[in-house]
Protein backbone atom coordinates (compact mmCIF):
# COMPACT_ATOMS: atom_id res chain seq x y z
CA MET A 1 158.52 125.08 117.80
CA ASP A 2 159.21 121.34 117.14
CA ILE A 3 161.76 121.23 119.86
CA ALA A 4 159.46 122.68 122.41
CA LEU A 5 156.75 120.23 121.48
CA GLY A 6 159.12 117.30 121.69
CA PHE A 7 160.18 118.62 125.11
CA LEU A 8 156.78 118.95 126.48
CA THR A 9 155.66 115.55 125.04
CA PHE A 10 158.54 113.54 126.52
CA GLY A 11 158.68 115.70 129.72
CA THR A 12 155.06 114.76 130.31
CA ILE A 13 155.51 111.12 129.65
CA GLY A 14 158.62 111.10 131.79
CA PHE A 15 156.64 112.86 134.72
CA VAL A 16 153.93 110.36 134.46
CA MET A 17 156.25 107.45 134.42
CA VAL A 18 158.15 108.63 137.51
CA PHE A 19 154.96 109.43 139.43
CA ALA A 20 153.61 105.97 138.62
CA TYR A 21 156.74 104.38 139.85
CA LEU A 22 156.71 106.20 143.07
CA GLY A 23 153.09 105.41 143.61
CA ALA A 24 153.67 101.68 143.03
CA ARG A 25 156.74 101.74 145.42
CA ALA A 26 154.91 103.35 148.18
CA THR A 27 151.85 100.93 147.65
CA GLU A 28 154.18 97.97 147.88
CA GLU A 29 155.93 99.15 150.86
CA ARG A 30 152.54 99.80 152.61
CA ARG A 31 151.57 96.31 151.76
CA ARG A 32 154.70 94.70 153.25
CA GLU A 33 154.27 96.62 156.51
CA GLY A 34 150.78 95.43 157.00
CA GLY A 35 148.98 98.72 156.32
CA PRO A 36 145.25 99.20 156.15
CA LYS A 37 143.48 97.13 153.58
CA SER A 38 141.09 98.49 150.95
CA ALA A 39 137.71 99.55 152.14
CA LEU A 40 136.32 97.74 149.06
CA SER A 41 137.55 94.31 150.08
CA ARG A 42 135.37 92.30 152.54
CA ASP A 43 137.98 91.91 155.23
CA GLY A 44 139.04 95.57 154.83
CA ALA A 45 135.61 96.77 155.47
CA ALA A 46 135.38 94.57 158.62
CA GLU A 47 138.64 95.93 159.68
CA ARG A 48 137.65 99.59 159.51
CA LEU A 49 134.24 98.95 161.18
CA ALA A 50 136.06 97.28 164.06
CA ALA A 51 138.34 100.15 164.26
CA ALA A 52 135.48 102.68 164.18
CA ARG A 53 133.69 100.91 167.04
CA ILE A 54 136.72 101.03 169.24
CA ASP A 55 137.26 104.72 168.59
CA THR A 56 133.66 105.59 169.29
CA PRO A 57 132.63 106.53 172.88
CA ALA A 58 130.19 104.02 174.28
CA GLY A 59 127.57 106.71 175.15
CA LYS A 60 127.15 108.04 171.65
């Protein structure tokens, strides 16, 4: 029983660490490539609004 508990504990911690590392790596790569900014930032919101105006047909 103790072995299974240790396996589950360290397996969960390991999974979370790997998932966090991959997420941080993907975010850093997206930032370097000039991906979209956060919608919560002032310039990110302006960027999204400008893109929405371009994509929307003029008649609607």
